[in-house]
Amino acid sequence: MFGPDEGAPNEDLVVLGIDPGVSRCGYGAVRRDGGRAEAIAYGVISTPPSDPLPQRLASLHDELEALVAEVRPSAMAVERVLFQNNVRTAMSVGQASGLALTVAAKANVSVTHYSPNEVKLAVVGYGAADKHQVQTMVARLLNLDAVPSPPDAADALALAVCHLWGAPLRLQTEAPVGTTATGGSSNESRFEAAVAAALAKEGTPG
């Protein structure tokens, strides 16, 4: 139901990314094991537009609750609701985001919001990246054979990756120059090295 490696043990830090929406709510759970990150679950929770809104919201709530119980995340990363010209879409995103926050609170899971530009900057290295570039980098960083599908799931995985490596980077900025937050001598994060390697690989023919 919840994607690859169903039932995998929660041995390390797991972040659940949520790309909120009532019709389509993307999710992606990423586990970090040292310097390696892997996708343990991703997909989309859908609700029929023909159903009454209260029923759809109740269904989405139940699915999110089951998902959190399944992957047992240490943290949740949710896309920040931004003003949009399409008010109906903005309301749908806001409703789904509220449900995700409710489920997280009930499970004592911390939540962090990220804007699309913050995710692009963290995953690709610049905030003007397009969706394809973000999705391609997510596949490379998580060692997936192909770009995650559907796009909502790929966006959710990007949110999880953004959070997994964003927190250590924030800690590093508070450490003395030339050291890491863990006391190492290098000021280059594992994530920066992973991005550089993925970019180098992307530029290699074959």
N, C-alpha and C. Protein backbone atom coordinates (compact mmCIF):
# COMPACT_ATOMS: atom_id res chain seq x y z
N MET A 1 0.82 -1.21 0.00
CA MET A 1 0.00 0.00 0.00
C MET A 1 0.85 1.25 0.00
N PHE A 2 1.98 1.18 0.73
CA PHE A 2 2.75 2.39 0.92
C PHE A 2 4.07 2.42 0.16
N GLY A 3 4.23 1.60 -0.86
CA GLY A 3 5.41 1.74 -1.72
C GLY A 3 6.48 0.72 -1.41
N PRO A 4 7.74 0.98 -1.91
CA PRO A 4 8.81 0.02 -1.77
C PRO A 4 9.21 -0.20 -0.32
N ASP A 5 9.80 -1.41 -0.07
CA ASP A 5 10.29 -1.75 1.27
C ASP A 5 9.21 -1.65 2.32
N GLU A 6 8.00 -2.08 1.97
CA GLU A 6 6.90 -2.02 2.94
C GLU A 6 7.26 -2.84 4.16
N GLY A 7 7.05 -2.25 5.32
CA GLY A 7 7.33 -2.96 6.56
C GLY A 7 8.78 -2.89 6.98
N ALA A 8 9.61 -2.07 6.28
CA ALA A 8 11.01 -1.95 6.65
C ALA A 8 11.13 -1.36 8.05
N PRO A 9 12.08 -1.82 8.84
CA PRO A 9 12.22 -1.32 10.20
C PRO A 9 12.66 0.12 10.24
N ASN A 10 12.22 0.85 11.25
CA ASN A 10 12.56 2.25 11.41
C ASN A 10 13.83 2.35 12.26
N GLU A 11 15.00 2.04 11.65
CA GLU A 11 16.25 1.95 12.37
C GLU A 11 16.90 3.32 12.55
N ASP A 12 16.68 4.23 11.62
CA ASP A 12 17.36 5.51 11.65
C ASP A 12 16.34 6.62 11.48
N LEU A 13 16.84 7.83 11.30
CA LEU A 13 15.97 8.98 11.14
C LEU A 13 15.12 8.84 9.88
N VAL A 14 13.81 8.94 10.05
CA VAL A 14 12.87 8.85 8.93
C VAL A 14 12.08 10.15 8.87
N VAL A 15 12.04 10.75 7.69
CA VAL A 15 11.26 11.96 7.48
C VAL A 15 10.17 11.66 6.46
N LEU A 16 8.96 12.08 6.78
CA LEU A 16 7.83 11.89 5.88
C LEU A 16 7.50 13.23 5.22
N GLY A 17 7.66 13.30 3.90
CA GLY A 17 7.32 14.49 3.15
C GLY A 17 5.88 14.43 2.70
N ILE A 18 5.17 15.55 2.79
CA ILE A 18 3.77 15.61 2.38
C ILE A 18 3.58 16.76 1.41
N ASP A 19 3.10 16.43 0.19
CA ASP A 19 2.72 17.44 -0.81
C ASP A 19 1.20 17.50 -0.76
N PRO A 20 0.64 18.43 0.03
CA PRO A 20 -0.79 18.36 0.37
C PRO A 20 -1.75 18.69 -0.77
N GLY A 21 -2.88 18.03 -0.72
CA GLY A 21 -3.98 18.25 -1.65
C GLY A 21 -5.10 17.31 -1.28
N VAL A 22 -6.34 17.72 -1.48
CA VAL A 22 -7.47 16.85 -1.14
C VAL A 22 -7.69 15.79 -2.21
N SER A 23 -7.63 16.19 -3.46
CA SER A 23 -7.81 15.22 -4.55
C SER A 23 -6.62 14.29 -4.66
N ARG A 24 -5.41 14.87 -4.55
CA ARG A 24 -4.18 14.10 -4.65
C ARG A 24 -3.21 14.62 -3.60
N CYS A 25 -2.88 13.78 -2.64
CA CYS A 25 -1.93 14.14 -1.58
C CYS A 25 -0.70 13.25 -1.72
N GLY A 26 0.40 13.85 -2.15
CA GLY A 26 1.62 13.06 -2.32
C GLY A 26 2.34 12.83 -1.00
N TYR A 27 2.96 11.68 -0.87
CA TYR A 27 3.74 11.38 0.32
C TYR A 27 5.03 10.68 -0.07
N GLY A 28 6.05 10.89 0.72
CA GLY A 28 7.32 10.23 0.47
C GLY A 28 8.11 10.14 1.76
N ALA A 29 8.45 8.93 2.17
CA ALA A 29 9.21 8.71 3.40
C ALA A 29 10.65 8.35 3.04
N VAL A 30 11.59 9.05 3.63
CA VAL A 30 13.01 8.82 3.36
C VAL A 30 13.72 8.53 4.67
N ARG A 31 14.53 7.49 4.66
CA ARG A 31 15.31 7.12 5.84
C ARG A 31 16.78 7.44 5.60
N ARG A 32 17.41 8.09 6.56
CA ARG A 32 18.83 8.37 6.47
C ARG A 32 19.60 7.43 7.36
N ASP A 33 20.59 6.78 6.78
CA ASP A 33 21.47 5.87 7.50
C ASP A 33 22.88 6.41 7.32
N GLY A 34 23.33 7.23 8.27
CA GLY A 34 24.62 7.87 8.12
C GLY A 34 24.59 8.86 6.97
N GLY A 35 25.46 8.66 5.98
CA GLY A 35 25.50 9.55 4.82
C GLY A 35 24.65 9.07 3.68
N ARG A 36 23.90 8.00 3.87
CA ARG A 36 23.08 7.42 2.80
C ARG A 36 21.61 7.65 3.10
N ALA A 37 20.86 7.97 2.04
CA ALA A 37 19.42 8.16 2.19
C ALA A 37 18.70 7.23 1.23
N GLU A 38 17.58 6.68 1.68
CA GLU A 38 16.81 5.78 0.82
C GLU A 38 15.32 6.03 1.00
N ALA A 39 14.60 5.88 -0.10
CA ALA A 39 13.14 6.00 -0.06
C ALA A 39 12.56 4.69 0.44
N ILE A 40 11.75 4.76 1.48
CA ILE A 40 11.14 3.54 2.01
C ILE A 40 9.65 3.47 1.70
N ALA A 41 9.07 4.58 1.25
CA ALA A 41 7.66 4.58 0.88
C ALA A 41 7.35 5.87 0.14
N TYR A 42 6.56 5.74 -0.93
CA TYR A 42 6.10 6.95 -1.63
C TYR A 42 4.90 6.61 -2.50
N GLY A 43 4.09 7.61 -2.74
CA GLY A 43 2.89 7.40 -3.54
C GLY A 43 1.94 8.58 -3.40
N VAL A 44 0.69 8.34 -3.71
CA VAL A 44 -0.34 9.38 -3.65
C VAL A 44 -1.59 8.84 -3.00
N ILE A 45 -2.17 9.63 -2.10
CA ILE A 45 -3.47 9.32 -1.52
C ILE A 45 -4.50 10.14 -2.29
N SER A 46 -5.48 9.47 -2.89
CA SER A 46 -6.48 10.16 -3.71
C SER A 46 -7.85 10.03 -3.07
N THR A 47 -8.67 11.06 -3.27
CA THR A 47 -10.07 10.99 -2.85
C THR A 47 -10.94 11.38 -4.03
N PRO A 48 -12.06 10.70 -4.26
CA PRO A 48 -12.92 10.97 -5.41
C PRO A 48 -13.57 12.36 -5.33
N PRO A 49 -13.41 13.18 -6.36
CA PRO A 49 -14.04 14.51 -6.37
C PRO A 49 -15.56 14.45 -6.28
N SER A 50 -16.13 13.30 -6.66
CA SER A 50 -17.58 13.17 -6.62
C SER A 50 -18.13 12.98 -5.21
N ASP A 51 -17.27 12.61 -4.27
CA ASP A 51 -17.72 12.41 -2.88
C ASP A 51 -17.89 13.75 -2.17
N PRO A 52 -18.76 13.81 -1.17
CA PRO A 52 -18.91 15.05 -0.38
C PRO A 52 -17.60 15.40 0.30
N LEU A 53 -17.32 16.69 0.42
CA LEU A 53 -16.05 17.14 0.99
C LEU A 53 -15.79 16.58 2.38
N PRO A 54 -16.77 16.60 3.30
CA PRO A 54 -16.48 16.04 4.63
C PRO A 54 -16.02 14.58 4.57
N GLN A 55 -16.63 13.81 3.67
CA GLN A 55 -16.24 12.40 3.54
C GLN A 55 -14.82 12.28 2.99
N ARG A 56 -14.48 13.15 2.04
CA ARG A 56 -13.14 13.11 1.46
C ARG A 56 -12.08 13.49 2.50
N LEU A 57 -12.38 14.50 3.31
CA LEU A 57 -11.44 14.91 4.34
C LEU A 57 -11.26 13.83 5.40
N ALA A 58 -12.36 13.17 5.75
CA ALA A 58 -12.27 12.08 6.73
C ALA A 58 -11.43 10.93 6.19
N SER A 59 -11.63 10.63 4.90
CA SER A 59 -10.87 9.55 4.27
C SER A 59 -9.38 9.89 4.21
N LEU A 60 -9.07 11.14 3.83
CA LEU A 60 -7.67 11.56 3.77
C LEU A 60 -7.03 11.52 5.15
N HIS A 61 -7.77 11.96 6.16
CA HIS A 61 -7.26 11.91 7.53
C HIS A 61 -6.91 10.49 7.94
N ASP A 62 -7.82 9.56 7.65
CA ASP A 62 -7.59 8.17 8.03
C ASP A 62 -6.38 7.58 7.31
N GLU A 63 -6.24 7.92 6.02
CA GLU A 63 -5.11 7.40 5.23
C GLU A 63 -3.80 7.97 5.76
N LEU A 64 -3.78 9.25 6.07
CA LEU A 64 -2.56 9.86 6.61
C LEU A 64 -2.20 9.26 7.97
N GLU A 65 -3.21 9.01 8.77
CA GLU A 65 -2.98 8.42 10.09
C GLU A 65 -2.38 7.01 9.95
N ALA A 66 -2.92 6.24 9.00
CA ALA A 66 -2.40 4.90 8.77
C ALA A 66 -0.97 4.96 8.23
N LEU A 67 -0.70 5.95 7.38
CA LEU A 67 0.64 6.11 6.81
C LEU A 67 1.66 6.42 7.90
N VAL A 68 1.33 7.33 8.79
CA VAL A 68 2.24 7.69 9.88
C VAL A 68 2.48 6.48 10.78
N ALA A 69 1.44 5.71 11.04
CA ALA A 69 1.60 4.51 11.87
C ALA A 69 2.48 3.48 11.17
N GLU A 70 2.41 3.44 9.84
CA GLU A 70 3.19 2.47 9.06
C GLU A 70 4.67 2.82 9.02
N VAL A 71 5.00 4.07 8.69
CA VAL A 71 6.41 4.42 8.51
C VAL A 71 7.07 4.97 9.77
N ARG A 72 6.28 5.35 10.76
CA ARG A 72 6.78 5.84 12.04
C ARG A 72 7.86 6.91 11.86
N PRO A 73 7.49 8.04 11.26
CA PRO A 73 8.49 9.08 10.99
C PRO A 73 8.98 9.78 12.25
N SER A 74 10.20 10.27 12.19
CA SER A 74 10.76 11.08 13.26
C SER A 74 10.35 12.54 13.08
N ALA A 75 10.05 12.92 11.83
CA ALA A 75 9.67 14.29 11.52
C ALA A 75 8.83 14.28 10.25
N MET A 76 8.08 15.37 10.06
CA MET A 76 7.26 15.51 8.86
C MET A 76 7.62 16.84 8.19
N ALA A 77 7.79 16.80 6.87
CA ALA A 77 8.07 18.01 6.09
C ALA A 77 6.88 18.25 5.17
N VAL A 78 6.24 19.40 5.32
CA VAL A 78 5.03 19.72 4.57
C VAL A 78 5.26 20.96 3.71
N GLU A 79 4.78 20.92 2.47
CA GLU A 79 4.95 22.10 1.62
C GLU A 79 4.13 23.25 2.18
N ARG A 80 4.76 24.41 2.27
CA ARG A 80 4.10 25.58 2.81
C ARG A 80 3.01 26.06 1.85
N VAL A 81 1.86 26.40 2.40
CA VAL A 81 0.75 26.91 1.60
C VAL A 81 1.05 28.35 1.22
N LEU A 82 1.14 28.63 -0.06
CA LEU A 82 1.40 29.98 -0.54
C LEU A 82 0.17 30.53 -1.24
N PHE A 83 0.06 31.86 -1.32
CA PHE A 83 -1.05 32.48 -2.01
C PHE A 83 -1.03 32.09 -3.49
N GLN A 84 -2.18 31.71 -4.01
CA GLN A 84 -2.29 31.34 -5.41
C GLN A 84 -3.48 32.07 -6.02
N ASN A 85 -3.40 32.28 -7.34
CA ASN A 85 -4.52 32.91 -8.03
C ASN A 85 -5.75 32.02 -8.01
N ASN A 86 -5.52 30.71 -8.00
CA ASN A 86 -6.61 29.76 -7.96
C ASN A 86 -7.01 29.54 -6.49
N VAL A 87 -8.02 30.25 -6.04
CA VAL A 87 -8.42 30.20 -4.64
C VAL A 87 -8.89 28.80 -4.26
N ARG A 88 -9.59 28.14 -5.17
CA ARG A 88 -10.10 26.79 -4.88
C ARG A 88 -8.95 25.82 -4.61
N THR A 89 -7.89 25.93 -5.43
CA THR A 89 -6.73 25.06 -5.23
C THR A 89 -6.05 25.38 -3.90
N ALA A 90 -5.93 26.67 -3.60
CA ALA A 90 -5.29 27.07 -2.35
C ALA A 90 -6.06 26.53 -1.15
N MET A 91 -7.38 26.57 -1.21
CA MET A 91 -8.19 26.05 -0.11
C MET A 91 -7.99 24.55 0.05
N SER A 92 -7.93 23.83 -1.06
CA SER A 92 -7.73 22.39 -1.01
C SER A 92 -6.39 22.04 -0.38
N VAL A 93 -5.35 22.77 -0.80
CA VAL A 93 -4.02 22.54 -0.24
C VAL A 93 -4.01 22.85 1.25
N GLY A 94 -4.67 23.95 1.63
CA GLY A 94 -4.72 24.32 3.04
C GLY A 94 -5.45 23.30 3.89
N GLN A 95 -6.55 22.76 3.37
CA GLN A 95 -7.31 21.76 4.10
C GLN A 95 -6.47 20.50 4.32
N ALA A 96 -5.81 20.04 3.26
CA ALA A 96 -4.99 18.83 3.37
C ALA A 96 -3.79 19.06 4.29
N SER A 97 -3.21 20.26 4.21
CA SER A 97 -2.08 20.58 5.08
C SER A 97 -2.51 20.56 6.55
N GLY A 98 -3.70 21.10 6.82
CA GLY A 98 -4.21 21.09 8.18
C GLY A 98 -4.41 19.68 8.71
N LEU A 99 -4.88 18.79 7.86
CA LEU A 99 -5.06 17.40 8.28
C LEU A 99 -3.71 16.75 8.59
N ALA A 100 -2.71 17.03 7.75
CA ALA A 100 -1.38 16.47 7.98
C ALA A 100 -0.83 16.95 9.32
N LEU A 101 -1.02 18.23 9.61
CA LEU A 101 -0.54 18.77 10.88
C LEU A 101 -1.26 18.14 12.07
N THR A 102 -2.56 17.90 11.91
CA THR A 102 -3.35 17.28 12.98
C THR A 102 -2.85 15.87 13.27
N VAL A 103 -2.64 15.10 12.19
CA VAL A 103 -2.17 13.72 12.33
C VAL A 103 -0.78 13.71 12.99
N ALA A 104 0.08 14.63 12.56
CA ALA A 104 1.43 14.70 13.13
C ALA A 104 1.37 15.03 14.62
N ALA A 105 0.52 15.98 14.98
CA ALA A 105 0.41 16.38 16.39
C ALA A 105 -0.07 15.21 17.25
N LYS A 106 -1.05 14.47 16.75
CA LYS A 106 -1.57 13.33 17.50
C LYS A 106 -0.52 12.25 17.70
N ALA A 107 0.43 12.15 16.73
CA ALA A 107 1.47 11.14 16.81
C ALA A 107 2.76 11.68 17.41
N ASN A 108 2.71 12.94 17.91
CA ASN A 108 3.90 13.59 18.49
C ASN A 108 5.06 13.64 17.51
N VAL A 109 4.76 13.95 16.26
CA VAL A 109 5.78 14.08 15.22
C VAL A 109 5.95 15.57 14.91
N SER A 110 7.19 16.04 14.95
CA SER A 110 7.45 17.45 14.67
C SER A 110 7.22 17.75 13.18
N VAL A 111 6.79 18.99 12.89
CA VAL A 111 6.47 19.38 11.51
C VAL A 111 7.26 20.63 11.14
N THR A 112 7.80 20.62 9.92
CA THR A 112 8.48 21.79 9.38
C THR A 112 7.90 22.08 8.00
N HIS A 113 7.62 23.36 7.72
CA HIS A 113 7.10 23.75 6.42
C HIS A 113 8.23 24.28 5.54
N TYR A 114 8.15 23.94 4.25
CA TYR A 114 9.14 24.42 3.28
C TYR A 114 8.43 24.96 2.05
N SER A 115 8.91 26.08 1.56
CA SER A 115 8.37 26.61 0.31
C SER A 115 8.99 25.85 -0.86
N PRO A 116 8.35 25.88 -2.04
CA PRO A 116 8.93 25.22 -3.21
C PRO A 116 10.35 25.69 -3.51
N ASN A 117 10.63 26.98 -3.35
CA ASN A 117 11.97 27.49 -3.63
C ASN A 117 13.00 26.95 -2.64
N GLU A 118 12.59 26.79 -1.38
CA GLU A 118 13.50 26.23 -0.39
C GLU A 118 13.86 24.79 -0.74
N VAL A 119 12.88 24.04 -1.22
CA VAL A 119 13.12 22.65 -1.61
C VAL A 119 14.06 22.60 -2.81
N LYS A 120 13.81 23.44 -3.80
CA LYS A 120 14.68 23.48 -4.99
C LYS A 120 16.12 23.81 -4.61
N LEU A 121 16.27 24.79 -3.74
CA LEU A 121 17.60 25.21 -3.33
C LEU A 121 18.33 24.09 -2.60
N ALA A 122 17.61 23.38 -1.72
CA ALA A 122 18.23 22.32 -0.93
C ALA A 122 18.57 21.10 -1.78
N VAL A 123 17.69 20.75 -2.72
CA VAL A 123 17.87 19.51 -3.48
C VAL A 123 18.76 19.70 -4.70
N VAL A 124 18.57 20.79 -5.43
CA VAL A 124 19.31 21.00 -6.68
C VAL A 124 20.46 21.98 -6.51
N GLY A 125 20.30 22.95 -5.61
CA GLY A 125 21.36 23.91 -5.40
C GLY A 125 21.01 25.31 -5.83
N TYR A 126 19.85 25.47 -6.49
CA TYR A 126 19.39 26.82 -6.84
C TYR A 126 17.87 26.84 -6.91
N GLY A 127 17.31 27.97 -6.49
CA GLY A 127 15.87 28.08 -6.34
C GLY A 127 15.09 28.20 -7.61
N ALA A 128 15.77 28.38 -8.76
CA ALA A 128 15.07 28.52 -10.04
C ALA A 128 14.97 27.20 -10.79
N ALA A 129 15.34 26.11 -10.15
CA ALA A 129 15.28 24.80 -10.81
C ALA A 129 13.85 24.45 -11.17
N ASP A 130 13.67 23.71 -12.28
CA ASP A 130 12.33 23.30 -12.66
C ASP A 130 12.01 21.95 -12.02
N LYS A 131 10.76 21.53 -12.16
CA LYS A 131 10.32 20.29 -11.50
C LYS A 131 11.11 19.08 -11.98
N HIS A 132 11.40 19.03 -13.27
CA HIS A 132 12.13 17.87 -13.81
C HIS A 132 13.53 17.79 -13.19
N GLN A 133 14.20 18.91 -13.03
CA GLN A 133 15.52 18.91 -12.42
C GLN A 133 15.46 18.43 -10.97
N VAL A 134 14.45 18.88 -10.24
CA VAL A 134 14.29 18.45 -8.85
C VAL A 134 14.02 16.96 -8.78
N GLN A 135 13.11 16.48 -9.61
CA GLN A 135 12.75 15.06 -9.58
C GLN A 135 13.92 14.17 -10.00
N THR A 136 14.69 14.63 -10.99
CA THR A 136 15.87 13.87 -11.44
C THR A 136 16.90 13.79 -10.33
N MET A 137 17.13 14.90 -9.63
CA MET A 137 18.10 14.90 -8.54
C MET A 137 17.63 14.03 -7.39
N VAL A 138 16.33 14.04 -7.09
CA VAL A 138 15.80 13.19 -6.04
C VAL A 138 16.07 11.72 -6.36
N ALA A 139 15.84 11.33 -7.61
CA ALA A 139 16.09 9.95 -8.02
C ALA A 139 17.56 9.58 -7.84
N ARG A 140 18.45 10.50 -8.18
CA ARG A 140 19.88 10.22 -8.05
C ARG A 140 20.31 10.15 -6.59
N LEU A 141 19.85 11.09 -5.79
CA LEU A 141 20.24 11.12 -4.38
C LEU A 141 19.73 9.90 -3.62
N LEU A 142 18.57 9.39 -4.04
CA LEU A 142 17.99 8.23 -3.36
C LEU A 142 18.29 6.92 -4.07
N ASN A 143 19.15 6.99 -5.10
CA ASN A 143 19.57 5.80 -5.85
C ASN A 143 18.39 5.02 -6.42
N LEU A 144 17.41 5.75 -6.95
CA LEU A 144 16.26 5.12 -7.58
C LEU A 144 16.56 4.85 -9.06
N ASP A 145 15.97 3.82 -9.60
CA ASP A 145 16.21 3.46 -10.99
C ASP A 145 15.58 4.45 -11.96
N ALA A 146 14.54 5.14 -11.52
CA ALA A 146 13.85 6.09 -12.39
C ALA A 146 13.29 7.22 -11.54
N VAL A 147 12.88 8.29 -12.21
CA VAL A 147 12.25 9.41 -11.51
C VAL A 147 10.99 8.91 -10.83
N PRO A 148 10.79 9.19 -9.57
CA PRO A 148 9.60 8.72 -8.85
C PRO A 148 8.32 9.19 -9.53
N SER A 149 7.35 8.32 -9.56
CA SER A 149 6.06 8.62 -10.18
C SER A 149 4.95 8.19 -9.24
N PRO A 150 3.85 8.97 -9.23
CA PRO A 150 3.54 10.18 -9.99
C PRO A 150 4.28 11.40 -9.44
N PRO A 151 4.19 12.55 -10.14
CA PRO A 151 4.93 13.75 -9.72
C PRO A 151 4.67 14.17 -8.28
N ASP A 152 3.44 13.98 -7.79
CA ASP A 152 3.12 14.36 -6.41
C ASP A 152 4.00 13.60 -5.42
N ALA A 153 4.28 12.33 -5.73
CA ALA A 153 5.13 11.51 -4.87
C ALA A 153 6.57 12.00 -4.93
N ALA A 154 7.03 12.37 -6.14
CA ALA A 154 8.39 12.89 -6.29
C ALA A 154 8.56 14.19 -5.51
N ASP A 155 7.55 15.04 -5.55
CA ASP A 155 7.59 16.31 -4.81
C ASP A 155 7.66 16.05 -3.30
N ALA A 156 6.92 15.05 -2.85
CA ALA A 156 6.93 14.71 -1.43
C ALA A 156 8.29 14.17 -1.00
N LEU A 157 8.91 13.35 -1.84
CA LEU A 157 10.24 12.84 -1.54
C LEU A 157 11.25 13.99 -1.47
N ALA A 158 11.08 14.97 -2.37
CA ALA A 158 11.98 16.13 -2.36
C ALA A 158 11.85 16.90 -1.04
N LEU A 159 10.63 17.01 -0.52
CA LEU A 159 10.42 17.67 0.77
C LEU A 159 11.15 16.92 1.88
N ALA A 160 11.07 15.59 1.84
CA ALA A 160 11.73 14.79 2.87
C ALA A 160 13.25 14.94 2.78
N VAL A 161 13.78 14.91 1.56
CA VAL A 161 15.23 15.08 1.37
C VAL A 161 15.66 16.45 1.86
N CYS A 162 14.87 17.47 1.52
CA CYS A 162 15.16 18.83 1.96
C CYS A 162 15.29 18.90 3.47
N HIS A 163 14.37 18.28 4.18
CA HIS A 163 14.40 18.33 5.64
C HIS A 163 15.55 17.50 6.21
N LEU A 164 15.78 16.32 5.65
CA LEU A 164 16.82 15.44 6.17
C LEU A 164 18.18 16.12 6.19
N TRP A 165 18.46 16.87 5.14
CA TRP A 165 19.78 17.49 5.05
C TRP A 165 19.75 18.95 5.43
N GLY A 166 18.58 19.52 5.57
CA GLY A 166 18.50 20.92 5.97
C GLY A 166 18.86 21.12 7.43
N ALA A 167 18.36 20.23 8.31
CA ALA A 167 18.63 20.36 9.74
C ALA A 167 20.13 20.26 10.05
N PRO A 168 20.86 19.27 9.52
CA PRO A 168 22.30 19.21 9.78
C PRO A 168 23.04 20.44 9.25
N LEU A 169 22.58 20.95 8.09
CA LEU A 169 23.24 22.14 7.53
C LEU A 169 23.03 23.35 8.43
N ARG A 170 21.82 23.45 9.00
CA ARG A 170 21.56 24.57 9.91
C ARG A 170 22.45 24.47 11.15
N LEU A 171 22.65 23.26 11.63
CA LEU A 171 23.52 23.07 12.79
C LEU A 171 24.96 23.42 12.45
N GLN A 172 25.38 23.10 11.22
CA GLN A 172 26.74 23.39 10.83
C GLN A 172 27.02 24.88 10.78
N THR A 173 26.01 25.67 10.44
CA THR A 173 26.22 27.10 10.37
C THR A 173 26.45 27.71 11.74
N GLU A 174 26.06 26.96 12.78
CA GLU A 174 26.27 27.43 14.14
C GLU A 174 27.60 26.96 14.72
N ALA A 175 28.28 26.04 13.99
CA ALA A 175 29.55 25.51 14.48
C ALA A 175 30.69 26.46 14.11
N PRO A 176 31.85 26.37 14.80
CA PRO A 176 32.99 27.21 14.46
C PRO A 176 33.44 26.99 13.03
N VAL A 177 34.02 28.02 12.42
CA VAL A 177 34.49 27.92 11.04
C VAL A 177 35.51 26.80 10.93
N GLY A 178 35.35 25.98 9.88
CA GLY A 178 36.29 24.89 9.65
C GLY A 178 35.92 23.60 10.34
N THR A 179 34.82 23.60 11.10
CA THR A 179 34.38 22.38 11.77
C THR A 179 32.93 22.13 11.45
N THR A 180 32.49 20.90 11.66
CA THR A 180 31.09 20.55 11.49
C THR A 180 30.44 20.52 12.85
N ALA A 181 29.09 20.36 12.85
CA ALA A 181 28.37 20.34 14.13
C ALA A 181 28.75 19.14 14.96
N THR A 182 29.29 18.10 14.30
CA THR A 182 29.67 16.89 15.03
C THR A 182 31.14 16.90 15.40
N GLY A 183 31.83 18.02 15.11
CA GLY A 183 33.22 18.12 15.53
C GLY A 183 34.21 17.73 14.47
N GLY A 184 33.76 17.46 13.25
CA GLY A 184 34.68 17.07 12.18
C GLY A 184 35.47 18.26 11.68
N SER A 185 36.47 18.00 10.81
CA SER A 185 37.34 19.07 10.33
C SER A 185 36.90 19.62 8.99
N SER A 186 35.93 19.01 8.35
CA SER A 186 35.50 19.46 7.03
C SER A 186 34.26 20.30 7.14
N ASN A 187 34.20 21.40 6.33
CA ASN A 187 33.00 22.23 6.35
C ASN A 187 32.08 21.92 5.19
N GLU A 188 32.34 20.82 4.50
CA GLU A 188 31.47 20.38 3.41
C GLU A 188 30.54 19.29 3.94
N SER A 189 29.26 19.46 3.82
CA SER A 189 28.32 18.48 4.34
C SER A 189 28.26 17.26 3.44
N ARG A 190 27.78 16.16 4.00
CA ARG A 190 27.59 14.96 3.18
C ARG A 190 26.62 15.24 2.06
N PHE A 191 25.62 16.05 2.35
CA PHE A 191 24.61 16.34 1.33
C PHE A 191 25.23 17.11 0.17
N GLU A 192 26.07 18.10 0.47
CA GLU A 192 26.73 18.86 -0.58
C GLU A 192 27.57 17.93 -1.44
N ALA A 193 28.26 16.98 -0.80
CA ALA A 193 29.07 16.02 -1.54
C ALA A 193 28.18 15.14 -2.41
N ALA A 194 27.02 14.73 -1.88
CA ALA A 194 26.11 13.89 -2.65
C ALA A 194 25.56 14.62 -3.85
N VAL A 195 25.21 15.91 -3.67
CA VAL A 195 24.71 16.70 -4.79
C VAL A 195 25.78 16.85 -5.85
N ALA A 196 27.02 17.15 -5.42
CA ALA A 196 28.12 17.31 -6.37
C ALA A 196 28.35 16.04 -7.15
N ALA A 197 28.30 14.89 -6.45
CA ALA A 197 28.50 13.61 -7.14
C ALA A 197 27.39 13.32 -8.12
N ALA A 198 26.16 13.63 -7.73
CA ALA A 198 25.02 13.38 -8.62
C ALA A 198 25.09 14.27 -9.85
N LEU A 199 25.49 15.54 -9.65
CA LEU A 199 25.63 16.45 -10.78
C LEU A 199 26.73 15.99 -11.72
N ALA A 200 27.84 15.50 -11.16
CA ALA A 200 28.93 15.00 -11.98
C ALA A 200 28.49 13.79 -12.79
N LYS A 201 27.72 12.92 -12.12
CA LYS A 201 27.22 11.72 -12.80
C LYS A 201 26.26 12.09 -13.91
N GLU A 202 25.43 13.11 -13.65
CA GLU A 202 24.44 13.56 -14.64
C GLU A 202 25.13 14.10 -15.88
N GLY A 203 26.31 14.67 -15.70
CA GLY A 203 27.03 15.22 -16.84
C GLY A 203 27.90 14.22 -17.55
N THR A 204 27.90 12.97 -17.05
CA THR A 204 28.71 11.92 -17.67
C THR A 204 27.91 11.16 -18.70
N PRO A 205 28.39 11.02 -19.95
CA PRO A 205 27.65 10.29 -20.98
C PRO A 205 27.40 8.86 -20.56
N GLY A 206 26.33 8.31 -21.04
CA GLY A 206 26.04 6.91 -20.77
C GLY A 206 24.73 6.77 -20.10
